[in-house]
């Protein structure tokens, strides 16, 4: 390697810090691959996480353009050199991977590779991935491997830390999945209790109106007004529950587009004017995007259901590599100090928990008759 001991140590330290910074599995995989390729000065790097069916649950590459990756086609299977690394848990350092008897070829659009360094990523006795690099960027005699024993040792250190980072990310995602499942279960019960009660009352009131329509039209009219009110309340309960669920659009469209769509729906569904502006915000880690969306939903729910606001304005701006969300309403406002015991009812505790859970902060500015501003800031990655 061309790096001196001090610069090499700094590069390793930077790579390890980068891996520990992310919580999402996909982000961790991308960071591992990019760090390995940069650290060992290779043209290509890849990491595959095996599934239980002879393929890969996830496969991340670095050094290959999006167009090249699309042209290559389906993910590789667990065969050839990849299978050897996964099944035998052995390091593979080859002068020319194409001449190895286990080599089984690759798709026509696949970049040409020669010298190769690969090793398994292990969590105890379990092989949880295969990390490999190809085409060392250095002059080398034909038929020799550009990757050295020092590269192999360095990649082994990286792989050990990658195993820790990947295991932690998996535990985090499983924990979040359990939390989401519990949240959905809670919402389902609340939805069932609240809406069922409203619909039961709605049915009884409609029956009463039917019985009165001929002999007491005035009372029947009053009962019908009650039917309309109960129906509106049931619709509000449904709307509130549905908005709480994480939409698939967040994964597909990103935070800005998802917020814009939801706010357009709320603007049509409520008498209050609801507006949105997103300025310069780049993609955030998935956990942060979900937290921002949840806080926006809670703040909007409060403003539209409790404040009596005529106008609710939502903005999402870039700030120091992260983002800041502001939800402003011109409603009745409240004294934040006077409702500490009611904070959970208003969702303030939930919003603060969501913000702090992703390293962010939440501030609330309000006063009786002065409206409310809720601001959430999340740091950059």
Protein backbone atom coordinates (compact mmCIF):
# COMPACT_ATOMS: atom_id res chain seq x y z
CA UNK A 1 0.00 0.00 0.00
CA UNK A 2 1.20 3.50 -0.72
CA UNK A 3 -0.12 4.97 2.56
CA UNK A 4 2.26 5.45 5.46
CA UNK A 5 1.47 3.92 8.88
CA UNK A 6 -0.13 7.10 10.23
CA UNK A 7 -2.24 7.85 7.14
CA UNK A 8 -3.20 4.14 6.92
CA UNK A 9 -4.32 4.16 10.55
CA UNK A 10 -6.34 7.33 9.94
CA UNK A 11 -8.02 5.70 6.94
CA UNK A 12 -8.93 2.61 8.97
CA UNK A 13 -10.24 4.79 11.79
CA UNK A 14 -12.38 6.79 9.34
CA UNK A 15 -13.77 3.60 7.85
CA UNK A 16 -14.71 2.16 11.25
CA UNK A 17 -16.33 5.43 12.35
CA UNK A 18 -18.33 5.56 9.12
CA UNK A 19 -19.63 2.02 9.71
CA UNK A 20 -20.68 2.77 13.28
CA UNK A 21 -22.57 5.91 12.24
CA UNK A 22 -25.43 4.09 10.50
CA UNK A 23 -28.29 2.04 11.91
CA UNK A 24 -30.04 0.80 8.77
CA UNK A 25 -28.71 -2.48 7.34
CA UNK A 26 -28.62 -1.17 3.77
CA UNK A 27 -26.70 1.95 4.85
CA UNK A 28 -24.22 -0.19 6.80
CA UNK A 29 -23.63 -2.47 3.81
CA UNK A 30 -23.00 0.48 1.49
CA UNK A 31 -20.58 2.04 3.96
CA UNK A 32 -18.64 -1.21 4.42
CA UNK A 33 -18.25 -1.70 0.67
CA UNK A 34 -17.25 1.90 -0.06
CA UNK A 35 -14.80 1.92 2.87
CA UNK A 36 -13.18 -1.35 1.77
CA UNK A 37 -12.73 -0.22 -1.83
CA UNK A 38 -11.24 3.12 -0.80
CA UNK A 39 -9.05 1.66 1.93
CA UNK A 40 -7.50 -1.00 -0.30
CA UNK A 41 -7.52 1.13 -3.47
CA UNK A 42 -9.49 -1.35 -5.58
CA UNK A 43 -11.53 -0.72 -8.71
CA UNK A 44 -14.50 -2.81 -7.55
CA UNK A 45 -15.95 -3.96 -4.25
CA UNK A 46 -19.06 -5.93 -3.33
CA UNK A 47 -20.75 -7.47 -0.32
CA UNK A 48 -23.39 -10.16 -0.42
CA UNK A 49 -25.68 -11.23 2.44
CA UNK A 50 -26.84 -14.80 1.75
CA UNK A 51 -30.42 -15.99 2.00
CA UNK A 52 -31.54 -19.54 2.75
CA UNK A 53 -32.35 -20.43 -0.85
CA UNK A 54 -29.00 -20.33 -2.65
CA UNK A 55 -29.18 -16.64 -3.50
CA UNK A 56 -28.53 -13.34 -1.76
CA UNK A 57 -30.96 -11.43 0.40
CA UNK A 58 -28.91 -8.29 -0.26
CA UNK A 59 -26.02 -7.53 -2.59
CA UNK A 60 -24.26 -4.15 -2.61
CA UNK A 61 -21.57 -3.01 -5.05
CA UNK A 62 -19.22 -0.04 -5.28
CA UNK A 63 -17.33 1.02 -8.41
CA UNK A 64 -20.15 -0.04 -10.75
CA UNK A 65 -22.49 2.62 -12.16
CA UNK A 66 -26.25 2.33 -11.83
CA UNK A 67 -26.51 1.78 -15.60
CA UNK A 68 -23.93 -1.03 -15.49
CA UNK A 69 -25.66 -2.63 -12.51
CA UNK A 70 -29.03 -2.64 -14.28
CA UNK A 71 -27.46 -4.12 -17.41
CA UNK A 72 -25.81 -6.94 -15.42
CA UNK A 73 -29.24 -8.34 -14.53
CA UNK A 74 -30.36 -10.55 -11.63
CA UNK A 75 -28.33 -10.90 -8.43
CA UNK A 76 -25.70 -13.63 -8.47
CA UNK A 77 -26.37 -17.03 -6.94
CA UNK A 78 -24.19 -18.66 -4.30
CA UNK A 79 -21.82 -20.45 -6.66
CA UNK A 80 -18.17 -20.46 -7.62
CA UNK A 81 -15.85 -18.29 -5.54
CA UNK A 82 -18.77 -16.73 -3.65
CA UNK A 83 -19.99 -20.14 -2.54
CA UNK A 84 -16.48 -21.07 -1.39
CA UNK A 85 -16.23 -17.99 0.79
CA UNK A 86 -19.66 -18.61 2.31
CA UNK A 87 -19.42 -22.37 2.78
CA UNK A 88 -15.75 -22.86 3.59
CA UNK A 89 -15.30 -19.51 5.38
CA UNK A 90 -11.86 -19.14 3.80
CA UNK A 91 -10.01 -16.07 2.57
CA UNK A 92 -9.49 -16.07 -1.21
CA UNK A 93 -6.60 -14.10 -2.71
CA UNK A 94 -6.20 -14.82 -6.43
CA UNK A 95 -3.97 -13.44 -9.17
CA UNK A 96 -6.73 -13.98 -11.75
CA UNK A 97 -10.20 -15.04 -10.65
CA UNK A 98 -11.02 -16.05 -14.23
CA UNK A 99 -8.40 -18.84 -14.15
CA UNK A 100 -9.62 -20.39 -10.91
CA UNK A 101 -11.25 -23.81 -11.53
CA UNK A 102 -14.28 -22.72 -9.49
CA UNK A 103 -14.93 -19.69 -11.67
CA UNK A 104 -18.25 -20.09 -13.52
CA UNK A 105 -18.33 -16.89 -15.58
CA UNK A 106 -20.48 -13.81 -15.31
CA UNK A 107 -23.07 -11.93 -17.42
CA UNK A 108 -21.90 -10.16 -20.59
CA UNK A 109 -22.44 -6.69 -19.08
CA UNK A 110 -20.35 -7.58 -16.00
CA UNK A 111 -17.08 -5.59 -15.74
CA UNK A 112 -13.91 -7.57 -16.39
CA UNK A 113 -12.05 -8.55 -13.22
CA UNK A 114 -8.69 -10.18 -12.65
CA UNK A 115 -6.91 -10.06 -9.28
CA UNK A 116 -9.28 -10.78 -6.44
CA UNK A 117 -9.42 -10.62 -2.66
CA UNK A 118 -12.42 -11.97 -0.80
CA UNK A 119 -13.29 -13.13 2.69
CA UNK A 120 -16.33 -14.10 4.73
CA UNK A 121 -17.91 -11.85 7.33
CA UNK A 122 -18.60 -13.92 10.42
CA UNK A 123 -20.68 -13.43 13.53
CA UNK A 124 -19.25 -16.14 15.75
CA UNK A 125 -19.59 -19.39 13.81
CA UNK A 126 -22.21 -17.98 11.43
CA UNK A 127 -21.17 -16.57 8.05
CA UNK A 128 -23.38 -13.53 7.55
CA UNK A 129 -21.81 -12.14 4.40
CA UNK A 130 -19.07 -12.27 1.78
CA UNK A 131 -16.92 -9.20 1.12
CA UNK A 132 -14.66 -9.04 -1.90
CA UNK A 133 -12.59 -6.65 -3.97
CA UNK A 134 -11.22 -6.86 -7.50
CA UNK A 135 -8.64 -5.09 -9.68
CA UNK A 136 -6.13 -3.46 -7.34
CA UNK A 137 -5.16 -0.02 -8.67
CA UNK A 138 -1.42 -0.56 -8.84
CA UNK A 139 1.22 -1.68 -11.37
CA UNK A 140 1.65 -5.47 -11.23
CA UNK A 141 3.43 -8.07 -13.36
CA UNK A 142 1.09 -10.14 -15.49
CA UNK A 143 -0.13 -13.20 -13.63
CA UNK A 144 0.50 -11.74 -10.17
CA UNK A 145 -2.00 -10.52 -7.61
CA UNK A 146 -1.98 -6.84 -6.79
CA UNK A 147 -3.50 -7.52 -3.36
CA UNK A 148 -0.91 -8.18 -0.68
CA UNK A 149 -0.83 -9.98 2.65
CA UNK A 150 -1.07 -6.55 4.26
CA UNK A 151 -4.28 -5.92 2.28
CA UNK A 152 -5.62 -9.25 3.47
CA UNK A 153 -4.90 -8.39 7.11
CA UNK A 154 -6.48 -4.97 6.69
CA UNK A 155 -9.60 -6.40 5.10
CA UNK A 156 -9.83 -8.99 7.88
CA UNK A 157 -9.85 -6.20 10.49
CA UNK A 158 -12.49 -4.35 8.47
CA UNK A 159 -14.59 -7.51 8.18
CA UNK A 160 -14.52 -8.09 11.96
CA UNK A 161 -15.85 -4.60 12.58
CA UNK A 162 -18.27 -4.97 9.68
CA UNK A 163 -19.73 -8.03 11.42
CA UNK A 164 -20.33 -5.97 14.56
CA UNK A 165 -21.87 -3.08 12.63
CA UNK A 166 -24.05 -5.38 10.55
CA UNK A 167 -25.23 -7.37 13.59
CA UNK A 168 -26.07 -4.15 15.44
CA UNK A 169 -27.99 -2.85 12.42
CA UNK A 170 -29.95 -6.09 12.19
CA UNK A 171 -30.81 -5.93 15.90
CA UNK A 172 -31.90 -2.32 15.48
CA UNK A 173 -34.16 -3.16 12.54
CA UNK A 174 -35.68 -6.13 14.37
CA UNK A 175 -36.31 -3.93 17.40
CA UNK A 176 -37.93 -1.30 15.20
CA UNK A 177 -40.06 -3.93 13.48
CA UNK A 178 -41.29 -5.10 16.89
CA UNK A 179 -42.03 -1.51 17.86
CA UNK A 180 -43.94 -0.94 14.63
CA UNK A 181 -45.86 -4.18 15.13
CA UNK A 182 -46.79 -3.13 18.66
CA UNK A 183 -47.80 0.30 17.39
CA UNK A 184 -49.97 -1.22 14.68
CA UNK A 185 -51.58 -3.54 17.21
CA UNK A 186 -52.30 -0.60 19.50
CA UNK A 187 -53.75 1.39 16.60
CA UNK A 188 -55.90 -1.56 15.56
CA UNK A 189 -57.38 -1.82 19.05
CA UNK A 190 -57.94 1.91 19.30
CA UNK A 191 -59.47 1.98 15.83
CA UNK A 192 -61.75 -0.93 16.65
CA UNK A 193 -62.87 0.53 19.98
CA UNK A 194 -63.37 4.10 18.81
CA UNK A 195 -64.95 3.46 15.43
CA UNK A 196 -67.07 0.50 16.58
CA UNK A 197 -68.54 2.64 19.35
CA UNK A 198 -69.29 5.45 16.91
CA UNK A 199 -70.84 3.09 14.36
CA UNK A 200 -72.98 1.42 17.05
CA UNK A 201 -74.29 4.83 18.14
CA UNK A 202 -74.80 5.75 14.50
CA UNK A 203 -76.91 2.65 13.91
CA UNK A 204 -79.10 3.23 16.97
CA UNK A 205 -79.61 6.89 16.11
CA UNK A 206 -80.53 6.04 12.51
CA UNK A 207 -83.07 3.48 13.77
CA UNK A 208 -84.58 6.09 16.09
CA UNK A 209 -84.85 8.57 13.22
CA UNK A 210 -86.60 5.95 11.08
CA UNK A 211 -89.15 5.26 13.82
CA UNK A 212 -89.86 8.98 14.30
CA UNK A 213 -89.95 10.16 10.69
CA UNK A 214 -93.74 9.70 10.31
CA UNK A 215 -95.09 10.58 13.78
CA UNK A 216 -92.59 13.26 14.88
CA UNK A 217 -90.71 14.76 11.90
CA UNK A 218 -89.10 17.47 14.04
CA UNK A 219 -87.50 14.95 16.40
CA UNK A 220 -86.55 12.76 13.43
CA UNK A 221 -84.73 15.73 11.90
CA UNK A 222 -82.80 16.21 15.14
CA UNK A 223 -81.83 12.54 15.16
CA UNK A 224 -80.64 12.81 11.55
CA UNK A 225 -78.44 15.75 12.49
CA UNK A 226 -76.97 13.52 15.20
CA UNK A 227 -76.38 10.80 12.56
CA UNK A 228 -74.39 13.27 10.46
CA UNK A 229 -72.30 14.34 13.47
CA UNK A 230 -71.55 10.74 14.47
CA UNK A 231 -70.60 9.86 10.90
CA UNK A 232 -68.18 12.81 10.80
CA UNK A 233 -66.61 11.73 14.10
CA UNK A 234 -66.19 8.16 12.83
CA UNK A 235 -64.56 9.49 9.65
CA UNK A 236 -62.17 11.59 11.77
CA UNK A 237 -61.21 8.55 13.86
CA UNK A 238 -60.51 6.53 10.72
CA UNK A 239 -58.52 9.36 9.13
CA UNK A 240 -56.39 9.83 12.25
CA UNK A 241 -55.59 6.10 12.48
CA UNK A 242 -54.77 5.75 8.78
CA UNK A 243 -52.47 8.78 8.79
CA UNK A 244 -50.53 7.24 11.72
CA UNK A 245 -49.54 4.18 9.69
CA UNK A 246 -46.20 4.39 7.90
CA UNK A 247 -47.00 4.59 4.17
CA UNK A 248 -45.09 2.47 1.69
CA UNK A 249 -44.57 5.71 -0.25
CA UNK A 250 -41.94 6.79 2.30
CA UNK A 251 -39.62 4.00 1.10
CA UNK A 252 -40.48 4.52 -2.57
CA UNK A 253 -40.85 8.31 -2.90
CA UNK A 254 -38.85 9.74 0.00
CA UNK A 255 -39.79 12.11 2.79
CA UNK A 256 -40.49 15.31 0.84
CA UNK A 257 -42.83 13.71 -1.71
CA UNK A 258 -44.63 11.70 0.99
CA UNK A 259 -45.19 14.77 3.16
CA UNK A 260 -46.41 16.78 0.20
CA UNK A 261 -48.92 14.07 -0.78
CA UNK A 262 -50.25 13.61 2.76
CA UNK A 263 -50.64 17.34 3.28
CA UNK A 264 -52.54 17.69 0.00
CA UNK A 265 -54.92 14.98 1.25
CA UNK A 266 -55.37 16.74 4.61
CA UNK A 267 -55.92 20.07 2.86
CA UNK A 268 -58.81 18.55 0.89
CA UNK A 269 -60.23 16.68 3.90
CA UNK A 270 -60.34 19.61 6.36
CA UNK A 271 -61.78 23.11 6.30
CA UNK A 272 -58.45 24.54 7.42
CA UNK A 273 -55.91 25.51 4.74
CA UNK A 274 -52.91 23.16 4.98
CA UNK A 275 -49.77 24.04 3.00
CA UNK A 276 -46.31 22.54 2.54
CA UNK A 277 -42.91 23.73 1.29
CA UNK A 278 -39.76 21.60 1.07
CA UNK A 279 -36.48 23.39 0.37
CA UNK A 280 -33.15 21.74 -0.41
CA UNK A 281 -33.58 18.65 1.78
CA UNK A 282 -31.54 15.65 0.69
CA UNK A 283 -32.37 12.06 1.57
CA UNK A 284 -31.97 11.28 5.27
CA UNK A 285 -31.36 7.92 6.94
CA UNK A 286 -34.56 5.87 6.98
CA UNK A 287 -35.02 6.09 10.76
CA UNK A 288 -34.77 9.89 10.65
CA UNK A 289 -37.21 10.16 7.73
CA UNK A 290 -39.76 8.04 9.55
CA UNK A 291 -39.35 10.05 12.76
CA UNK A 292 -39.80 13.36 10.91
CA UNK A 293 -42.90 12.02 9.16
CA UNK A 294 -44.38 10.77 12.45
CA UNK A 295 -43.79 14.10 14.20
CA UNK A 296 -45.31 15.98 11.26
CA UNK A 297 -48.37 13.72 11.39
CA UNK A 298 -48.79 14.16 15.15
CA UNK A 299 -48.38 17.93 14.94
CA UNK A 300 -50.86 18.12 12.06
CA UNK A 301 -53.32 15.93 13.95
CA UNK A 302 -53.15 18.25 16.96
CA UNK A 303 -53.51 21.39 14.87
CA UNK A 304 -56.44 20.11 12.83
CA UNK A 305 -58.33 18.36 15.63
CA UNK A 306 -57.70 20.53 18.68
CA UNK A 307 -56.46 24.03 17.83
CA UNK A 308 -59.29 25.41 15.69
CA UNK A 309 -56.69 26.70 13.24
CA UNK A 310 -57.68 28.19 9.92
CA UNK A 311 -54.23 27.79 8.43
CA UNK A 312 -51.52 25.18 9.11
CA UNK A 313 -48.15 25.65 7.41
CA UNK A 314 -45.54 22.86 7.19
CA UNK A 315 -41.98 23.49 6.02
CA UNK A 316 -39.00 21.15 5.70
CA UNK A 317 -35.64 22.85 5.22
CA UNK A 318 -32.06 21.72 4.98
CA UNK A 319 -29.86 22.73 7.91
CA UNK A 320 -26.18 21.83 8.37
CA UNK A 321 -26.48 18.60 6.40
CA UNK A 322 -29.60 17.56 8.30
CA UNK A 323 -33.12 18.93 8.22
CA UNK A 324 -35.54 21.02 10.25
CA UNK A 325 -39.30 20.51 10.23
CA UNK A 326 -41.65 23.34 11.27
CA UNK A 327 -45.41 22.98 11.74
CA UNK A 328 -47.07 26.35 12.37
CA UNK A 329 -50.75 26.95 13.04
CA UNK A 330 -52.85 30.04 13.78
CA UNK A 331 -55.11 28.20 16.23
CA UNK A 332 -56.00 28.84 19.85
CA UNK A 333 -52.58 27.89 21.21
CA UNK A 334 -51.88 26.77 24.77
CA UNK A 335 -49.49 27.23 27.67
CA UNK A 336 -46.86 24.46 27.31
CA UNK A 337 -45.97 24.71 31.02
CA UNK A 338 -49.57 24.34 32.13
CA UNK A 339 -50.19 21.07 30.33
CA UNK A 340 -47.25 18.96 31.42
CA UNK A 341 -49.56 16.30 32.77
CA UNK A 342 -51.60 16.37 29.55
CA UNK A 343 -48.55 16.23 27.32
CA UNK A 344 -49.12 12.62 26.36
CA UNK A 345 -52.69 13.40 25.30
CA UNK A 346 -51.44 16.14 23.01
CA UNK A 347 -48.68 13.93 21.63
CA UNK A 348 -45.85 16.14 22.89
CA UNK A 349 -44.17 13.31 24.79
CA UNK A 350 -44.45 11.04 21.75
CA UNK A 351 -42.97 13.69 19.46
CA UNK A 352 -40.07 14.39 21.82
CA UNK A 353 -39.36 10.67 22.11
CA UNK A 354 -39.34 10.28 18.33
CA UNK A 355 -36.99 13.25 17.90
CA UNK A 356 -34.52 12.17 20.60
CA UNK A 357 -34.63 8.57 19.30
CA UNK A 358 -32.87 9.67 16.10
CA UNK A 359 -30.51 12.17 17.71
CA UNK A 360 -32.78 15.14 17.06
CA UNK A 361 -34.42 17.86 19.13
CA UNK A 362 -38.00 19.12 19.44
CA UNK A 363 -39.08 22.59 20.53
CA UNK A 364 -42.62 23.87 21.10
CA UNK A 365 -43.60 27.54 21.06
CA UNK A 366 -47.17 28.43 21.95
CA UNK A 367 -49.34 30.71 24.06
CA UNK A 368 -53.09 31.01 24.49
CA UNK A 369 -54.52 32.82 21.47
CA UNK A 370 -51.12 32.95 19.73
CA UNK A 371 -51.07 29.73 17.72
CA UNK A 372 -48.39 27.05 17.93
CA UNK A 373 -45.01 26.35 16.32
CA UNK A 374 -43.51 22.88 16.61
CA UNK A 375 -39.97 22.51 15.33
CA UNK A 376 -37.95 19.30 14.99
CA UNK A 377 -34.31 19.27 13.92
CA UNK A 378 -32.33 16.18 12.97
CA UNK A 379 -28.56 16.21 12.44
CA UNK A 380 -26.76 15.34 9.25
CA UNK A 381 -25.29 11.90 8.65
